[in-house]
All heavy atoms as atom14 arrays in JSON, in Angstrom:
{
  "sequence": "LGVLDPESGTLTDLETPFSGWDAALTADGTSV",
  "atom14_mask": [
    [1, 1, 1, 1, 1, 1, 1, 1, 0, 0, 0, 0, 0, 0],
    [1, 1, 1, 1, 0, 0, 0, 0, 0, 0, 0, 0, 0, 0],
    [1, 1, 1, 1, 1, 1, 1, 0, 0, 0, 0, 0, 0, 0],
    [1, 1, 1, 1, 1, 1, 1, 1, 0, 0, 0, 0, 0, 0],
    [1, 1, 1, 1, 1, 1, 1, 1, 0, 0, 0, 0, 0, 0],
    [1, 1, 1, 1, 1, 1, 1, 0, 0, 0, 0, 0, 0, 0],
    [1, 1, 1, 1, 1, 1, 1, 1, 1, 0, 0, 0, 0, 0],
    [1, 1, 1, 1, 1, 1, 0, 0, 0, 0, 0, 0, 0, 0],
    [1, 1, 1, 1, 0, 0, 0, 0, 0, 0, 0, 0, 0, 0],
    [1, 1, 1, 1, 1, 1, 1, 0, 0, 0, 0, 0, 0, 0],
    [1, 1, 1, 1, 1, 1, 1, 1, 0, 0, 0, 0, 0, 0],
    [1, 1, 1, 1, 1, 1, 1, 0, 0, 0, 0, 0, 0, 0],
    [1, 1, 1, 1, 1, 1, 1, 1, 0, 0, 0, 0, 0, 0],
    [1, 1, 1, 1, 1, 1, 1, 1, 0, 0, 0, 0, 0, 0],
    [1, 1, 1, 1, 1, 1, 1, 1, 1, 0, 0, 0, 0, 0],
    [1, 1, 1, 1, 1, 1, 1, 0, 0, 0, 0, 0, 0, 0],
    [1, 1, 1, 1, 1, 1, 1, 0, 0, 0, 0, 0, 0, 0],
    [1, 1, 1, 1, 1, 1, 1, 1, 1, 1, 1, 0, 0, 0],
    [1, 1, 1, 1, 1, 1, 0, 0, 0, 0, 0, 0, 0, 0],
    [1, 1, 1, 1, 0, 0, 0, 0, 0, 0, 0, 0, 0, 0],
    [1, 1, 1, 1, 1, 1, 1, 1, 1, 1, 1, 1, 1, 1],
    [1, 1, 1, 1, 1, 1, 1, 1, 0, 0, 0, 0, 0, 0],
    [1, 1, 1, 1, 1, 0, 0, 0, 0, 0, 0, 0, 0, 0],
    [1, 1, 1, 1, 1, 0, 0, 0, 0, 0, 0, 0, 0, 0],
    [1, 1, 1, 1, 1, 1, 1, 1, 0, 0, 0, 0, 0, 0],
    [1, 1, 1, 1, 1, 1, 1, 0, 0, 0, 0, 0, 0, 0],
    [1, 1, 1, 1, 1, 0, 0, 0, 0, 0, 0, 0, 0, 0],
    [1, 1, 1, 1, 1, 1, 1, 1, 0, 0, 0, 0, 0, 0],
    [1, 1, 1, 1, 0, 0, 0, 0, 0, 0, 0, 0, 0, 0],
    [1, 1, 1, 1, 1, 1, 1, 0, 0, 0, 0, 0, 0, 0],
    [1, 1, 1, 1, 1, 1, 0, 0, 0, 0, 0, 0, 0, 0],
    [1, 1, 1, 1, 1, 1, 1, 0, 0, 0, 0, 0, 0, 0]
  ],
  "atom14_positions": [
    [[-51.94, -57.94, -101.99], [-52.52, -58.77, -100.94], [-53.84, -58.19, -100.45], [-53.95, -57.0, -100.17], [-51.53, -58.88, -99.78], [-51.93, -59.74, -98.59], [-52.06, -61.21, -98.98], [-50.9, -59.59, -97.47], [0.0, 0.0, 0.0], [0.0, 0.0, 0.0], [0.0, 0.0, 0.0], [0.0, 0.0, 0.0], [0.0, 0.0, 0.0], [0.0, 0.0, 0.0]],
    [[-54.82, -59.07, -100.31], [-56.11, -58.66, -99.78], [-56.73, -59.77, -98.95], [-56.2, -60.89, -98.88], [0.0, 0.0, 0.0], [0.0, 0.0, 0.0], [0.0, 0.0, 0.0], [0.0, 0.0, 0.0], [0.0, 0.0, 0.0], [0.0, 0.0, 0.0], [0.0, 0.0, 0.0], [0.0, 0.0, 0.0], [0.0, 0.0, 0.0], [0.0, 0.0, 0.0]],
    [[-57.85, -59.46, -98.33], [-58.61, -60.44, -97.56], [-60.01, -60.52, -98.15], [-60.68, -59.5, -98.33], [-58.69, -60.05, -96.07], [-59.56, -61.04, -95.31], [-57.29, -60.0, -95.46], [0.0, 0.0, 0.0], [0.0, 0.0, 0.0], [0.0, 0.0, 0.0], [0.0, 0.0, 0.0], [0.0, 0.0, 0.0], [0.0, 0.0, 0.0], [0.0, 0.0, 0.0]],
    [[-60.43, -61.74, -98.48], [-61.7, -61.97, -99.12], [-62.63, -62.74, -98.18], [-62.25, -63.79, -97.65], [-61.5, -62.77, -100.42], [-62.75, -63.25, -101.14], [-63.57, -62.07, -101.65], [-62.37, -64.17, -102.31], [0.0, 0.0, 0.0], [0.0, 0.0, 0.0], [0.0, 0.0, 0.0], [0.0, 0.0, 0.0], [0.0, 0.0, 0.0], [0.0, 0.0, 0.0]],
    [[-63.82, -62.2, -98.0], [-64.87, -62.92, -97.27], [-65.6, -63.78, -98.29], [-66.31, -63.25, -99.15], [-65.83, -61.92, -96.62], [-66.91, -62.6, -95.78], [-67.24, -63.77, -96.06], [-67.43, -61.96, -94.86], [0.0, 0.0, 0.0], [0.0, 0.0, 0.0], [0.0, 0.0, 0.0], [0.0, 0.0, 0.0], [0.0, 0.0, 0.0], [0.0, 0.0, 0.0]],
    [[-65.46, -65.11, -98.22], [-66.06, -65.96, -99.26], [-67.58, -65.96, -99.23], [-68.21, -66.36, -100.22], [-65.49, -67.35, -98.95], [-65.15, -67.32, -97.51], [-64.74, -65.92, -97.21], [0.0, 0.0, 0.0], [0.0, 0.0, 0.0], [0.0, 0.0, 0.0], [0.0, 0.0, 0.0], [0.0, 0.0, 0.0], [0.0, 0.0, 0.0], [0.0, 0.0, 0.0]],
    [[-68.19, -65.55, -98.14], [-69.66, -65.53, -98.07], [-70.23, -64.28, -98.73], [-71.17, -64.36, -99.51], [-70.11, -65.63, -96.6], [-69.66, -66.89, -95.9], [-70.09, -68.15, -96.63], [-71.24, -68.19, -97.14], [-69.29, -69.11, -96.7], [0.0, 0.0, 0.0], [0.0, 0.0, 0.0], [0.0, 0.0, 0.0], [0.0, 0.0, 0.0], [0.0, 0.0, 0.0]],
    [[-69.67, -63.13, -98.42], [-70.2, -61.88, -98.95], [-69.53, -61.45, -100.25], [-70.08, -60.64, -100.99], [-70.03, -60.76, -97.92], [-68.65, -60.47, -97.72], [0.0, 0.0, 0.0], [0.0, 0.0, 0.0], [0.0, 0.0, 0.0], [0.0, 0.0, 0.0], [0.0, 0.0, 0.0], [0.0, 0.0, 0.0], [0.0, 0.0, 0.0], [0.0, 0.0, 0.0]],
    [[-68.33, -61.98, -100.53], [-67.58, -61.55, -101.7], [-66.82, -60.26, -101.5], [-66.21, -59.74, -102.44], [0.0, 0.0, 0.0], [0.0, 0.0, 0.0], [0.0, 0.0, 0.0], [0.0, 0.0, 0.0], [0.0, 0.0, 0.0], [0.0, 0.0, 0.0], [0.0, 0.0, 0.0], [0.0, 0.0, 0.0], [0.0, 0.0, 0.0], [0.0, 0.0, 0.0]],
    [[-66.82, -59.73, -100.28], [-66.12, -58.48, -100.0], [-64.61, -58.71, -100.01], [-64.09, -59.59, -99.31], [-66.53, -57.93, -98.63], [-67.94, -57.7, -98.63], [-65.79, -56.63, -98.33], [0.0, 0.0, 0.0], [0.0, 0.0, 0.0], [0.0, 0.0, 0.0], [0.0, 0.0, 0.0], [0.0, 0.0, 0.0], [0.0, 0.0, 0.0], [0.0, 0.0, 0.0]],
    [[-63.92, -57.91, -100.78], [-62.46, -58.0, -100.9], [-61.85, -56.69, -100.41], [-62.16, -55.62, -100.93], [-62.06, -58.25, -102.36], [-60.57, -58.24, -102.68], [-59.83, -59.31, -101.89], [-60.35, -58.45, -104.18], [0.0, 0.0, 0.0], [0.0, 0.0, 0.0], [0.0, 0.0, 0.0], [0.0, 0.0, 0.0], [0.0, 0.0, 0.0], [0.0, 0.0, 0.0]],
    [[-61.01, -56.79, -99.41], [-60.37, -55.61, -98.81], [-58.87, -55.72, -98.96], [-58.26, -56.69, -98.51], [-60.73, -55.49, -97.32], [-62.15, -55.49, -97.18], [-60.16, -54.21, -96.74], [0.0, 0.0, 0.0], [0.0, 0.0, 0.0], [0.0, 0.0, 0.0], [0.0, 0.0, 0.0], [0.0, 0.0, 0.0], [0.0, 0.0, 0.0], [0.0, 0.0, 0.0]],
    [[-58.27, -54.74, -99.62], [-56.81, -54.74, -99.79], [-56.12, -54.36, -98.49], [-56.63, -53.56, -97.7], [-56.39, -53.77, -100.89], [-56.67, -54.32, -102.27], [-56.83, -55.55, -102.39], [-56.72, -53.52, -103.23], [0.0, 0.0, 0.0], [0.0, 0.0, 0.0], [0.0, 0.0, 0.0], [0.0, 0.0, 0.0], [0.0, 0.0, 0.0], [0.0, 0.0, 0.0]],
    [[-54.93, -54.91, -98.29], [-54.11, -54.59, -97.13], [-52.97, -53.68, -97.55], [-52.29, -53.95, -98.55], [-53.56, -55.87, -96.51], [-54.59, -56.85, -95.95], [-53.9, -58.13, -95.49], [-55.37, -56.22, -94.81], [0.0, 0.0, 0.0], [0.0, 0.0, 0.0], [0.0, 0.0, 0.0], [0.0, 0.0, 0.0], [0.0, 0.0, 0.0], [0.0, 0.0, 0.0]],
    [[-52.75, -52.63, -96.79], [-51.62, -51.76, -97.07], [-50.36, -52.4, -96.5], [-50.26, -52.62, -95.3], [-51.85, -50.38, -96.44], [-53.0, -49.61, -97.05], [-53.2, -48.25, -96.41], [-52.42, -47.94, -95.48], [-54.11, -47.52, -96.82], [0.0, 0.0, 0.0], [0.0, 0.0, 0.0], [0.0, 0.0, 0.0], [0.0, 0.0, 0.0], [0.0, 0.0, 0.0]],
    [[-49.43, -52.69, -97.36], [-48.15, -53.27, -96.96], [-47.05, -52.5, -97.65], [-47.32, -51.69, -98.55], [-48.07, -54.77, -97.34], [-47.88, -54.87, -98.76], [-49.32, -55.52, -96.92], [0.0, 0.0, 0.0], [0.0, 0.0, 0.0], [0.0, 0.0, 0.0], [0.0, 0.0, 0.0], [0.0, 0.0, 0.0], [0.0, 0.0, 0.0], [0.0, 0.0, 0.0]],
    [[-45.8, -52.73, -97.29], [-44.71, -52.02, -97.96], [-44.4, -52.56, -99.36], [-43.46, -52.1, -99.99], [-43.51, -52.27, -97.03], [-44.06, -52.84, -95.79], [-45.32, -53.52, -96.15], [0.0, 0.0, 0.0], [0.0, 0.0, 0.0], [0.0, 0.0, 0.0], [0.0, 0.0, 0.0], [0.0, 0.0, 0.0], [0.0, 0.0, 0.0], [0.0, 0.0, 0.0]],
    [[-45.2, -53.51, -99.86], [-44.85, -54.21, -101.08], [-45.78, -53.86, -102.23], [-46.98, -53.67, -102.04], [-44.87, -55.72, -100.84], [-44.04, -56.14, -99.66], [-44.63, -56.64, -98.51], [-42.66, -56.03, -99.7], [-43.87, -57.02, -97.42], [-41.88, -56.4, -98.62], [-42.49, -56.89, -97.46], [0.0, 0.0, 0.0], [0.0, 0.0, 0.0], [0.0, 0.0, 0.0]],
    [[-45.21, -53.82, -103.43], [-46.02, -53.58, -104.63], [-46.54, -54.87, -105.23], [-47.46, -54.85, -106.05], [-45.18, -52.84, -105.68], [-44.04, -53.61, -106.06], [0.0, 0.0, 0.0], [0.0, 0.0, 0.0], [0.0, 0.0, 0.0], [0.0, 0.0, 0.0], [0.0, 0.0, 0.0], [0.0, 0.0, 0.0], [0.0, 0.0, 0.0], [0.0, 0.0, 0.0]],
    [[-45.96, -56.0, -104.84], [-46.41, -57.28, -105.36], [-45.93, -58.41, -104.48], [-45.08, -58.24, -103.6], [0.0, 0.0, 0.0], [0.0, 0.0, 0.0], [0.0, 0.0, 0.0], [0.0, 0.0, 0.0], [0.0, 0.0, 0.0], [0.0, 0.0, 0.0], [0.0, 0.0, 0.0], [0.0, 0.0, 0.0], [0.0, 0.0, 0.0], [0.0, 0.0, 0.0]],
    [[-46.52, -59.59, -104.71], [-46.22, -60.78, -103.92], [-46.08, -61.98, -104.84], [-46.77, -62.08, -105.87], [-47.34, -61.07, -102.91], [-47.54, -60.02, -101.87], [-48.09, -58.78, -102.03], [-47.18, -60.12, -100.48], [-48.11, -58.1, -100.83], [-47.55, -58.91, -99.86], [-46.6, -61.13, -99.71], [-47.36, -58.67, -98.51], [-46.41, -60.89, -98.35], [-46.77, -59.67, -97.76]],
    [[-45.21, -62.93, -104.45], [-45.17, -64.21, -105.14], [-46.46, -64.97, -104.89], [-47.08, -64.84, -103.82], [-44.0, -65.07, -104.62], [-42.66, -64.6, -105.15], [-42.63, -63.64, -105.93], [-41.64, -65.2, -104.76], [0.0, 0.0, 0.0], [0.0, 0.0, 0.0], [0.0, 0.0, 0.0], [0.0, 0.0, 0.0], [0.0, 0.0, 0.0], [0.0, 0.0, 0.0]],
    [[-46.84, -65.79, -105.86], [-48.09, -66.56, -105.74], [-47.86, -67.81, -104.89], [-48.01, -68.95, -105.34], [-48.61, -66.94, -107.12], [0.0, 0.0, 0.0], [0.0, 0.0, 0.0], [0.0, 0.0, 0.0], [0.0, 0.0, 0.0], [0.0, 0.0, 0.0], [0.0, 0.0, 0.0], [0.0, 0.0, 0.0], [0.0, 0.0, 0.0], [0.0, 0.0, 0.0]],
    [[-47.47, -67.59, -103.64], [-47.22, -68.68, -102.69], [-47.46, -68.16, -101.28], [-46.55, -67.65, -100.64], [-45.81, -69.22, -102.84], [0.0, 0.0, 0.0], [0.0, 0.0, 0.0], [0.0, 0.0, 0.0], [0.0, 0.0, 0.0], [0.0, 0.0, 0.0], [0.0, 0.0, 0.0], [0.0, 0.0, 0.0], [0.0, 0.0, 0.0], [0.0, 0.0, 0.0]],
    [[-48.7, -68.27, -100.81], [-49.08, -67.8, -99.48], [-49.26, -68.97, -98.53], [-49.59, -70.08, -98.94], [-50.38, -66.99, -99.55], [-50.37, -65.69, -100.35], [-51.74, -65.04, -100.28], [-49.3, -64.73, -99.85], [0.0, 0.0, 0.0], [0.0, 0.0, 0.0], [0.0, 0.0, 0.0], [0.0, 0.0, 0.0], [0.0, 0.0, 0.0], [0.0, 0.0, 0.0]],
    [[-49.09, -68.71, -97.24], [-49.3, -69.7, -96.2], [-49.92, -69.01, -95.0], [-49.49, -67.91, -94.62], [-47.97, -70.4, -95.83], [-48.18, -71.29, -94.73], [-46.9, -69.4, -95.46], [0.0, 0.0, 0.0], [0.0, 0.0, 0.0], [0.0, 0.0, 0.0], [0.0, 0.0, 0.0], [0.0, 0.0, 0.0], [0.0, 0.0, 0.0], [0.0, 0.0, 0.0]],
    [[-50.95, -69.62, -94.42], [-51.67, -69.01, -93.3], [-51.36, -69.73, -92.0], [-51.11, -70.93, -91.97], [-53.18, -69.04, -93.56], [0.0, 0.0, 0.0], [0.0, 0.0, 0.0], [0.0, 0.0, 0.0], [0.0, 0.0, 0.0], [0.0, 0.0, 0.0], [0.0, 0.0, 0.0], [0.0, 0.0, 0.0], [0.0, 0.0, 0.0], [0.0, 0.0, 0.0]],
    [[-51.39, -68.95, -90.92], [-51.22, -69.5, -89.57], [-52.19, -68.74, -88.67], [-51.89, -67.64, -88.2], [-49.77, -69.3, -89.11], [-49.48, -69.92, -87.75], [-50.32, -70.71, -87.27], [-48.42, -69.61, -87.17], [0.0, 0.0, 0.0], [0.0, 0.0, 0.0], [0.0, 0.0, 0.0], [0.0, 0.0, 0.0], [0.0, 0.0, 0.0], [0.0, 0.0, 0.0]],
    [[-53.38, -69.32, -88.47], [-54.42, -68.62, -87.73], [-54.92, -67.43, -88.51], [-55.38, -67.57, -89.64], [0.0, 0.0, 0.0], [0.0, 0.0, 0.0], [0.0, 0.0, 0.0], [0.0, 0.0, 0.0], [0.0, 0.0, 0.0], [0.0, 0.0, 0.0], [0.0, 0.0, 0.0], [0.0, 0.0, 0.0], [0.0, 0.0, 0.0], [0.0, 0.0, 0.0]],
    [[-54.82, -66.24, -87.94], [-55.25, -65.03, -88.64], [-54.07, -64.23, -89.18], [-54.17, -63.02, -89.41], [-56.09, -64.14, -87.72], [-55.34, -63.83, -86.55], [-57.39, -64.82, -87.34], [0.0, 0.0, 0.0], [0.0, 0.0, 0.0], [0.0, 0.0, 0.0], [0.0, 0.0, 0.0], [0.0, 0.0, 0.0], [0.0, 0.0, 0.0], [0.0, 0.0, 0.0]],
    [[-52.96, -64.88, -89.4], [-51.82, -64.23, -90.05], [-51.53, -64.95, -91.36], [-51.82, -66.13, -91.54], [-50.58, -64.24, -89.15], [-50.06, -65.54, -89.02], [0.0, 0.0, 0.0], [0.0, 0.0, 0.0], [0.0, 0.0, 0.0], [0.0, 0.0, 0.0], [0.0, 0.0, 0.0], [0.0, 0.0, 0.0], [0.0, 0.0, 0.0], [0.0, 0.0, 0.0]],
    [[-50.93, -64.22, -92.29], [-50.55, -64.79, -93.57], [-49.1, -64.43, -93.84], [-48.64, -63.33, -93.52], [-51.46, -64.26, -94.71], [-51.38, -62.75, -94.85], [-51.12, -64.94, -96.03], [0.0, 0.0, 0.0], [0.0, 0.0, 0.0], [0.0, 0.0, 0.0], [0.0, 0.0, 0.0], [0.0, 0.0, 0.0], [0.0, 0.0, 0.0], [0.0, 0.0, 0.0]]
  ]
}
């Protein structure tokens, strides 16, 4: 999981307890 700024192209990974994620994300404001 990461956060991408579509204007600058900057991609920042988020440290989470998980090694992988299903390809099904949903956003609610600034949470995912």
